[in-house]
Amino acid sequence: MRFRNATLAITRMKLVAWIIRIVLFALLFVLALRNTADASLQLFFNAVWRAPLILILFVAFGLGAVAALASIAPGLMRQRMEVARLRRALGEAQKPLAAAAADRDGSKGVPYNVVGPKV
């Protein structure tokens, strides 16, 4: 019963997420349709970029997203390297434990389901 309720909650959350996405898309689409007038962007060295306002807004948004991703990339890489190092250390720490358990059982690494005499 508990599993069914959790599945139902996840399905509802996915539905709400899709509704939010559709509403956001519709709002951005209407924004794009209403801002088609030409605008000029004054750049460095007296350069001027003339384009529809919505294009300038979308480019600014895209550059902001790229800058945000570039700012968090070093931290993510550092965390991934640390996780890989810890996994290697865990694997190396578990090897002696597995060998000690096999010695304690007296099987010397032979699986328990092998048919025949142990040599």
N, C-alpha and C. Protein backbone atom coordinates (compact mmCIF):
# COMPACT_ATOMS: atom_id res chain seq x y z
N MET A 1 0.82 -1.19 0.00
CA MET A 1 0.00 0.00 0.00
C MET A 1 0.87 1.26 0.00
N ARG A 2 1.94 1.21 0.80
CA ARG A 2 2.83 2.36 0.89
C ARG A 2 3.53 2.60 -0.44
N PHE A 3 3.94 1.52 -1.13
CA PHE A 3 4.61 1.65 -2.42
C PHE A 3 3.68 2.27 -3.45
N ARG A 4 2.43 1.89 -3.43
CA ARG A 4 1.45 2.42 -4.38
C ARG A 4 1.26 3.92 -4.16
N ASN A 5 1.21 4.36 -2.91
CA ASN A 5 1.06 5.78 -2.61
C ASN A 5 2.28 6.57 -3.06
N ALA A 6 3.46 5.99 -2.90
CA ALA A 6 4.68 6.66 -3.34
C ALA A 6 4.71 6.78 -4.85
N THR A 7 4.30 5.74 -5.55
CA THR A 7 4.26 5.78 -7.01
C THR A 7 3.25 6.82 -7.49
N LEU A 8 2.12 6.89 -6.82
CA LEU A 8 1.10 7.88 -7.17
C LEU A 8 1.62 9.30 -6.94
N ALA A 9 2.35 9.51 -5.86
CA ALA A 9 2.91 10.83 -5.57
C ALA A 9 3.94 11.23 -6.62
N ILE A 10 4.76 10.28 -7.05
CA ILE A 10 5.77 10.57 -8.07
C ILE A 10 5.09 10.91 -9.39
N THR A 11 4.03 10.18 -9.73
CA THR A 11 3.30 10.46 -10.96
C THR A 11 2.68 11.85 -10.92
N ARG A 12 2.14 12.24 -9.78
CA ARG A 12 1.57 13.58 -9.64
C ARG A 12 2.63 14.65 -9.75
N MET A 13 3.80 14.39 -9.17
CA MET A 13 4.89 15.37 -9.25
C MET A 13 5.34 15.54 -10.69
N LYS A 14 5.41 14.45 -11.45
CA LYS A 14 5.79 14.54 -12.86
C LYS A 14 4.76 15.33 -13.64
N LEU A 15 3.49 15.13 -13.33
CA LEU A 15 2.43 15.87 -14.00
C LEU A 15 2.54 17.37 -13.70
N VAL A 16 2.79 17.71 -12.45
CA VAL A 16 2.95 19.12 -12.07
C VAL A 16 4.17 19.71 -12.77
N ALA A 17 5.25 18.96 -12.86
CA ALA A 17 6.45 19.46 -13.54
C ALA A 17 6.17 19.73 -15.01
N TRP A 18 5.43 18.85 -15.66
CA TRP A 18 5.10 19.07 -17.07
C TRP A 18 4.18 20.26 -17.25
N ILE A 19 3.25 20.45 -16.35
CA ILE A 19 2.36 21.62 -16.43
C ILE A 19 3.17 22.90 -16.29
N ILE A 20 4.12 22.92 -15.36
CA ILE A 20 4.98 24.10 -15.19
C ILE A 20 5.81 24.35 -16.44
N ARG A 21 6.34 23.30 -17.04
CA ARG A 21 7.13 23.46 -18.27
C ARG A 21 6.29 24.04 -19.40
N ILE A 22 5.07 23.54 -19.55
CA ILE A 22 4.20 24.03 -20.62
C ILE A 22 3.84 25.49 -20.41
N VAL A 23 3.52 25.86 -19.17
CA VAL A 23 3.19 27.25 -18.87
C VAL A 23 4.40 28.15 -19.12
N LEU A 24 5.57 27.72 -18.69
CA LEU A 24 6.79 28.51 -18.91
C LEU A 24 7.08 28.68 -20.40
N PHE A 25 6.92 27.61 -21.18
CA PHE A 25 7.12 27.69 -22.62
C PHE A 25 6.14 28.67 -23.25
N ALA A 26 4.87 28.60 -22.84
CA ALA A 26 3.87 29.50 -23.40
C ALA A 26 4.19 30.95 -23.07
N LEU A 27 4.62 31.21 -21.83
CA LEU A 27 4.98 32.58 -21.45
C LEU A 27 6.17 33.10 -22.25
N LEU A 28 7.17 32.27 -22.43
CA LEU A 28 8.34 32.69 -23.21
C LEU A 28 7.99 32.88 -24.68
N PHE A 29 7.10 32.05 -25.19
CA PHE A 29 6.68 32.18 -26.59
C PHE A 29 5.93 33.50 -26.80
N VAL A 30 5.03 33.82 -25.88
CA VAL A 30 4.30 35.09 -25.99
C VAL A 30 5.26 36.26 -25.84
N LEU A 31 6.23 36.15 -24.94
CA LEU A 31 7.24 37.20 -24.77
C LEU A 31 8.01 37.40 -26.08
N ALA A 32 8.36 36.31 -26.74
CA ALA A 32 9.09 36.41 -27.99
C ALA A 32 8.24 37.07 -29.08
N LEU A 33 6.97 36.75 -29.13
CA LEU A 33 6.10 37.35 -30.14
C LEU A 33 5.87 38.83 -29.90
N ARG A 34 5.88 39.25 -28.66
CA ARG A 34 5.59 40.65 -28.35
C ARG A 34 6.83 41.54 -28.44
N ASN A 35 8.01 40.97 -28.48
CA ASN A 35 9.25 41.76 -28.50
C ASN A 35 10.04 41.51 -29.78
N THR A 36 9.43 41.76 -30.90
CA THR A 36 10.13 41.56 -32.16
C THR A 36 10.71 42.85 -32.72
N ALA A 37 10.53 43.96 -32.03
CA ALA A 37 11.06 45.23 -32.51
C ALA A 37 12.58 45.22 -32.47
N ASP A 38 13.19 45.94 -33.39
CA ASP A 38 14.65 46.00 -33.42
C ASP A 38 15.18 46.81 -32.24
N ALA A 39 16.28 46.33 -31.73
CA ALA A 39 16.97 47.03 -30.65
C ALA A 39 18.44 47.05 -31.00
N SER A 40 19.14 48.02 -30.46
CA SER A 40 20.59 48.08 -30.73
C SER A 40 21.33 47.92 -29.42
N LEU A 41 22.36 47.13 -29.48
CA LEU A 41 23.20 46.87 -28.32
C LEU A 41 24.57 47.50 -28.59
N GLN A 42 24.95 48.43 -27.72
CA GLN A 42 26.22 49.12 -27.87
C GLN A 42 27.32 48.25 -27.28
N LEU A 43 28.23 47.79 -28.11
CA LEU A 43 29.33 46.93 -27.67
C LEU A 43 30.60 47.76 -27.52
N PHE A 44 31.70 47.11 -27.26
CA PHE A 44 32.98 47.80 -27.11
C PHE A 44 33.50 48.28 -28.46
N PHE A 45 34.37 49.26 -28.46
CA PHE A 45 35.02 49.81 -29.65
C PHE A 45 34.00 50.34 -30.65
N ASN A 46 32.95 50.97 -30.16
CA ASN A 46 31.90 51.60 -30.97
C ASN A 46 31.18 50.62 -31.90
N ALA A 47 31.18 49.37 -31.57
CA ALA A 47 30.45 48.37 -32.35
C ALA A 47 29.00 48.37 -31.89
N VAL A 48 28.09 48.18 -32.82
CA VAL A 48 26.66 48.17 -32.52
C VAL A 48 26.07 46.90 -33.12
N TRP A 49 25.28 46.22 -32.31
CA TRP A 49 24.59 45.02 -32.78
C TRP A 49 23.10 45.33 -32.83
N ARG A 50 22.52 45.27 -34.00
CA ARG A 50 21.10 45.52 -34.17
C ARG A 50 20.41 44.18 -34.41
N ALA A 51 19.45 43.87 -33.56
CA ALA A 51 18.73 42.60 -33.65
C ALA A 51 17.39 42.76 -32.93
N PRO A 52 16.48 41.82 -33.15
CA PRO A 52 15.23 41.87 -32.38
C PRO A 52 15.53 41.76 -30.88
N LEU A 53 14.73 42.45 -30.08
CA LEU A 53 14.97 42.49 -28.64
C LEU A 53 14.96 41.11 -28.02
N ILE A 54 14.05 40.25 -28.46
CA ILE A 54 13.97 38.92 -27.86
C ILE A 54 15.23 38.11 -28.15
N LEU A 55 15.82 38.31 -29.33
CA LEU A 55 17.07 37.61 -29.63
C LEU A 55 18.19 38.06 -28.70
N ILE A 56 18.24 39.34 -28.45
CA ILE A 56 19.26 39.86 -27.52
C ILE A 56 19.03 39.31 -26.12
N LEU A 57 17.76 39.23 -25.70
CA LEU A 57 17.46 38.67 -24.38
C LEU A 57 17.84 37.20 -24.28
N PHE A 58 17.53 36.42 -25.31
CA PHE A 58 17.86 35.00 -25.28
C PHE A 58 19.37 34.77 -25.30
N VAL A 59 20.09 35.57 -26.06
CA VAL A 59 21.55 35.45 -26.08
C VAL A 59 22.12 35.78 -24.70
N ALA A 60 21.59 36.84 -24.07
CA ALA A 60 22.05 37.19 -22.73
C ALA A 60 21.75 36.08 -21.73
N PHE A 61 20.57 35.48 -21.85
CA PHE A 61 20.21 34.36 -20.97
C PHE A 61 21.15 33.17 -21.19
N GLY A 62 21.41 32.86 -22.45
CA GLY A 62 22.31 31.74 -22.77
C GLY A 62 23.71 31.96 -22.25
N LEU A 63 24.23 33.19 -22.42
CA LEU A 63 25.56 33.49 -21.89
C LEU A 63 25.60 33.39 -20.38
N GLY A 64 24.52 33.80 -19.73
CA GLY A 64 24.45 33.67 -18.28
C GLY A 64 24.45 32.22 -17.83
N ALA A 65 23.72 31.37 -18.56
CA ALA A 65 23.69 29.94 -18.23
C ALA A 65 25.07 29.30 -18.43
N VAL A 66 25.75 29.67 -19.51
CA VAL A 66 27.10 29.13 -19.76
C VAL A 66 28.06 29.60 -18.67
N ALA A 67 27.95 30.86 -18.26
CA ALA A 67 28.82 31.37 -17.20
C ALA A 67 28.55 30.66 -15.88
N ALA A 68 27.28 30.36 -15.59
CA ALA A 68 26.94 29.64 -14.36
C ALA A 68 27.52 28.23 -14.37
N LEU A 69 27.39 27.55 -15.50
CA LEU A 69 27.94 26.19 -15.60
C LEU A 69 29.46 26.20 -15.49
N ALA A 70 30.09 27.20 -16.09
CA ALA A 70 31.55 27.29 -16.02
C ALA A 70 32.01 27.58 -14.59
N SER A 71 31.20 28.27 -13.83
CA SER A 71 31.61 28.60 -12.47
C SER A 71 31.50 27.41 -11.52
N ILE A 72 30.59 26.46 -11.80
CA ILE A 72 30.46 25.31 -10.91
C ILE A 72 31.25 24.09 -11.39
N ALA A 73 31.79 24.14 -12.60
CA ALA A 73 32.52 22.98 -13.16
C ALA A 73 33.73 22.57 -12.32
N PRO A 74 34.58 23.49 -11.84
CA PRO A 74 35.73 23.03 -11.06
C PRO A 74 35.34 22.29 -9.78
N GLY A 75 34.30 22.76 -9.11
CA GLY A 75 33.85 22.08 -7.89
C GLY A 75 33.31 20.69 -8.18
N LEU A 76 32.56 20.55 -9.27
CA LEU A 76 32.04 19.24 -9.65
C LEU A 76 33.16 18.27 -10.00
N MET A 77 34.16 18.76 -10.73
CA MET A 77 35.28 17.88 -11.09
C MET A 77 36.04 17.44 -9.84
N ARG A 78 36.23 18.37 -8.92
CA ARG A 78 36.92 18.04 -7.67
C ARG A 78 36.14 16.97 -6.90
N GLN A 79 34.83 17.11 -6.84
CA GLN A 79 34.01 16.12 -6.13
C GLN A 79 34.06 14.77 -6.81
N ARG A 80 34.02 14.73 -8.13
CA ARG A 80 34.09 13.45 -8.84
C ARG A 80 35.42 12.76 -8.62
N MET A 81 36.49 13.52 -8.61
CA MET A 81 37.81 12.93 -8.36
C MET A 81 37.88 12.38 -6.94
N GLU A 82 37.30 13.09 -5.98
CA GLU A 82 37.30 12.63 -4.59
C GLU A 82 36.47 11.36 -4.43
N VAL A 83 35.33 11.29 -5.10
CA VAL A 83 34.49 10.10 -5.04
C VAL A 83 35.23 8.90 -5.64
N ALA A 84 35.91 9.10 -6.76
CA ALA A 84 36.66 8.00 -7.38
C ALA A 84 37.78 7.53 -6.45
N ARG A 85 38.47 8.48 -5.81
CA ARG A 85 39.54 8.11 -4.89
C ARG A 85 38.99 7.32 -3.70
N LEU A 86 37.87 7.75 -3.16
CA LEU A 86 37.27 7.05 -2.02
C LEU A 86 36.77 5.67 -2.40
N ARG A 87 36.24 5.52 -3.62
CA ARG A 87 35.80 4.19 -4.06
C ARG A 87 36.98 3.24 -4.20
N ARG A 88 38.09 3.74 -4.75
CA ARG A 88 39.29 2.90 -4.84
C ARG A 88 39.77 2.49 -3.45
N ALA A 89 39.77 3.44 -2.51
CA ALA A 89 40.21 3.13 -1.15
C ALA A 89 39.28 2.12 -0.49
N LEU A 90 37.98 2.24 -0.74
CA LEU A 90 37.03 1.28 -0.18
C LEU A 90 37.26 -0.11 -0.75
N GLY A 91 37.50 -0.20 -2.06
CA GLY A 91 37.77 -1.50 -2.67
C GLY A 91 39.03 -2.14 -2.11
N GLU A 92 40.07 -1.33 -1.91
CA GLU A 92 41.31 -1.87 -1.35
C GLU A 92 41.14 -2.27 0.10
N ALA A 93 40.29 -1.58 0.84
CA ALA A 93 40.06 -1.92 2.24
C ALA A 93 39.22 -3.18 2.38
N GLN A 94 38.38 -3.47 1.42
CA GLN A 94 37.52 -4.64 1.49
C GLN A 94 38.24 -5.92 1.09
N LYS A 95 39.33 -5.82 0.33
CA LYS A 95 40.07 -7.02 -0.09
C LYS A 95 40.61 -7.81 1.10
N PRO A 96 41.29 -7.18 2.07
CA PRO A 96 41.78 -7.96 3.22
C PRO A 96 40.64 -8.55 4.05
N LEU A 97 39.51 -7.87 4.14
CA LEU A 97 38.37 -8.40 4.88
C LEU A 97 37.82 -9.64 4.22
N ALA A 98 37.74 -9.64 2.90
CA ALA A 98 37.25 -10.82 2.18
C ALA A 98 38.22 -11.99 2.34
N ALA A 99 39.52 -11.70 2.30
CA ALA A 99 40.51 -12.76 2.47
C ALA A 99 40.45 -13.32 3.89
N ALA A 100 40.27 -12.46 4.88
CA ALA A 100 40.19 -12.93 6.27
C ALA A 100 38.93 -13.76 6.48
N ALA A 101 37.85 -13.42 5.88
CA ALA A 101 36.61 -14.20 6.00
C ALA A 101 36.77 -15.57 5.35
N ALA A 102 37.47 -15.61 4.22
CA ALA A 102 37.69 -16.90 3.54
C ALA A 102 38.60 -17.78 4.38
N ASP A 103 39.62 -17.20 5.00
CA ASP A 103 40.52 -17.99 5.85
C ASP A 103 39.80 -18.50 7.09
N ARG A 104 38.91 -17.68 7.62
CA ARG A 104 38.18 -18.07 8.83
C ARG A 104 37.25 -19.23 8.51
N ASP A 105 36.68 -19.25 7.31
CA ASP A 105 35.79 -20.35 6.92
C ASP A 105 36.58 -21.61 6.62
N GLY A 106 37.85 -21.47 6.36
CA GLY A 106 38.68 -22.62 6.06
C GLY A 106 38.59 -23.06 4.61
N SER A 107 37.96 -22.27 3.79
CA SER A 107 37.77 -22.70 2.41
C SER A 107 38.92 -22.24 1.52
N LYS A 108 39.73 -21.34 1.98
CA LYS A 108 40.89 -20.84 1.23
C LYS A 108 40.47 -20.30 -0.14
N GLY A 109 39.35 -19.62 -0.21
CA GLY A 109 38.94 -18.98 -1.44
C GLY A 109 38.17 -19.88 -2.39
N VAL A 110 37.89 -21.13 -2.00
CA VAL A 110 37.13 -22.04 -2.84
C VAL A 110 35.65 -21.80 -2.56
N PRO A 111 34.84 -21.65 -3.59
CA PRO A 111 33.41 -21.44 -3.35
C PRO A 111 32.78 -22.62 -2.64
N TYR A 112 31.76 -22.38 -1.85
CA TYR A 112 31.13 -23.42 -1.04
C TYR A 112 30.37 -24.44 -1.87
N ASN A 113 30.05 -24.12 -3.11
CA ASN A 113 29.23 -25.04 -3.89
C ASN A 113 30.04 -25.87 -4.89
N VAL A 114 31.35 -25.94 -4.72
CA VAL A 114 32.17 -26.75 -5.62
C VAL A 114 32.08 -28.20 -5.20
N VAL A 115 31.81 -29.05 -6.18
CA VAL A 115 31.68 -30.47 -5.90
C VAL A 115 33.05 -31.12 -6.02
N GLY A 116 33.39 -31.97 -5.09
CA GLY A 116 34.65 -32.69 -5.14
C GLY A 116 35.52 -32.36 -3.95
N PRO A 117 36.65 -33.08 -3.84
CA PRO A 117 37.53 -32.86 -2.68
C PRO A 117 38.27 -31.54 -2.81
N LYS A 118 38.56 -30.95 -1.67
CA LYS A 118 39.34 -29.71 -1.65
C LYS A 118 40.81 -30.08 -1.53
N VAL A 119 41.61 -29.62 -2.42
CA VAL A 119 43.02 -29.98 -2.47
C VAL A 119 43.85 -28.90 -1.84
